Amino acid sequence: MSLGAITYNVEQSNNDYFDDAPNNPQIIAHIYDGVNLGKTFLSGSNSGTISITRFDYPNGIYSGVFNATLYNKDNPSEKIQVTDGRFDIKIATLNH
């Protein structure tokens, strides 16, 4: 079964994953310099959208698009724009 597009607001991230993360759509972006972890950017409250454009439950495929304004965890006045982001996830190939 495939459904139509569903859009969610991107909300505040606390920089935690899984059980310790907030129960809302959030974005965490780690910027690498090729060797080391550099800056970490987090989503704030109502900072963008995530749209699920394909939800194919029988085949375990989820696709969508996203955009958001993210702020530097260590310097909140520094922001980046993420535009035209896209994802395609096949549940069977994820590492659990």
Protein backbone atom coordinates (compact mmCIF):
# COMPACT_ATOMS: atom_id res chain seq x y z
CA MET A 1 0.00 0.00 0.00
CA SER A 2 1.40 3.38 -0.96
CA LEU A 3 -0.01 6.55 0.59
CA GLY A 4 0.06 10.19 -0.49
CA ALA A 5 2.52 12.72 0.85
CA ILE A 6 2.52 13.46 4.59
CA THR A 7 4.37 16.54 5.87
CA TYR A 8 5.76 17.06 9.38
CA ASN A 9 7.31 20.15 10.96
CA VAL A 10 10.96 19.79 11.95
CA GLU A 11 11.24 20.41 15.68
CA GLN A 12 13.88 20.93 18.38
CA SER A 13 16.75 18.43 18.54
CA ASN A 14 18.60 17.69 21.78
CA ASN A 15 21.55 16.08 19.90
CA ASP A 16 20.62 12.61 21.21
CA TYR A 17 19.69 9.56 19.21
CA PHE A 18 17.20 6.76 19.78
CA ASP A 19 15.76 6.39 23.31
CA ASP A 20 17.12 9.70 24.63
CA ALA A 21 15.97 11.73 21.64
CA PRO A 22 12.79 13.80 21.67
CA ASN A 23 9.75 12.09 20.18
CA ASN A 24 9.44 14.47 17.24
CA PRO A 25 10.89 14.93 13.73
CA GLN A 26 14.38 16.37 14.21
CA ILE A 27 17.59 16.83 12.21
CA ILE A 28 21.18 16.46 13.40
CA ALA A 29 23.95 17.26 10.91
CA HIS A 30 27.61 16.51 11.67
CA ILE A 31 30.09 18.34 9.46
CA TYR A 32 33.33 16.40 8.91
CA ASP A 33 36.62 17.85 7.68
CA GLY A 34 37.64 14.52 6.12
CA VAL A 35 39.40 13.29 9.26
CA ASN A 36 37.67 14.65 12.37
CA LEU A 37 34.16 15.46 13.44
CA GLY A 38 33.80 19.19 13.10
CA LYS A 39 30.68 21.16 13.83
CA THR A 40 27.31 19.77 14.83
CA PHE A 41 24.17 21.53 13.60
CA LEU A 42 20.75 20.93 15.17
CA SER A 43 17.18 21.70 14.21
CA GLY A 44 15.19 24.14 16.29
CA SER A 45 11.47 24.35 16.91
CA ASN A 46 9.46 24.66 13.68
CA SER A 47 12.68 25.06 11.64
CA GLY A 48 11.61 23.28 8.46
CA THR A 49 9.62 20.38 7.04
CA ILE A 50 10.01 16.68 6.30
CA SER A 51 7.61 15.23 3.74
CA ILE A 52 7.14 11.50 3.32
CA THR A 53 6.41 11.16 -0.39
CA ARG A 54 6.41 7.36 -0.58
CA PHE A 55 5.36 4.95 2.14
CA ASP A 56 5.42 1.47 0.62
CA TYR A 57 4.80 -0.70 3.66
CA PRO A 58 4.81 -4.14 1.95
CA ASN A 59 8.23 -3.46 0.40
CA GLY A 60 9.61 -1.51 3.38
CA ILE A 61 10.46 1.58 1.34
CA TYR A 62 10.19 5.13 2.67
CA SER A 63 11.08 8.15 0.56
CA GLY A 64 10.83 11.85 1.13
CA VAL A 65 12.19 15.36 0.95
CA PHE A 66 13.22 17.83 3.63
CA ASN A 67 14.46 21.36 4.26
CA ALA A 68 15.43 23.17 7.43
CA THR A 69 17.44 25.92 9.04
CA LEU A 70 19.94 24.37 11.46
CA TYR A 71 22.03 26.07 14.15
CA ASN A 72 25.54 25.28 15.39
CA LYS A 73 25.31 23.43 18.73
CA ASP A 74 28.33 25.34 20.09
CA ASN A 75 27.52 28.72 18.52
CA PRO A 76 23.73 29.07 18.01
CA SER A 77 24.10 32.31 16.04
CA GLU A 78 25.82 30.33 13.24
CA LYS A 79 23.17 28.80 10.97
CA ILE A 80 23.02 26.79 7.77
CA GLN A 81 20.19 26.21 5.32
CA VAL A 82 19.48 22.66 4.14
CA THR A 83 17.36 22.78 0.99
CA ASP A 84 16.04 20.16 -1.40
CA GLY A 85 17.21 17.29 0.83
CA ARG A 86 16.04 13.84 -0.22
CA PHE A 87 16.05 10.36 1.30
CA ASP A 88 15.18 6.83 0.21
CA ILE A 89 15.21 4.15 2.88
CA LYS A 90 14.72 0.43 2.44
CA ILE A 91 14.11 -1.03 5.90
CA ALA A 92 15.55 -4.44 4.98
CA THR A 93 18.98 -2.93 4.27
CA LEU A 94 19.29 -0.79 7.43
CA ASN A 95 21.68 -1.92 10.14
CA HIS A 96 19.65 -2.64 13.25
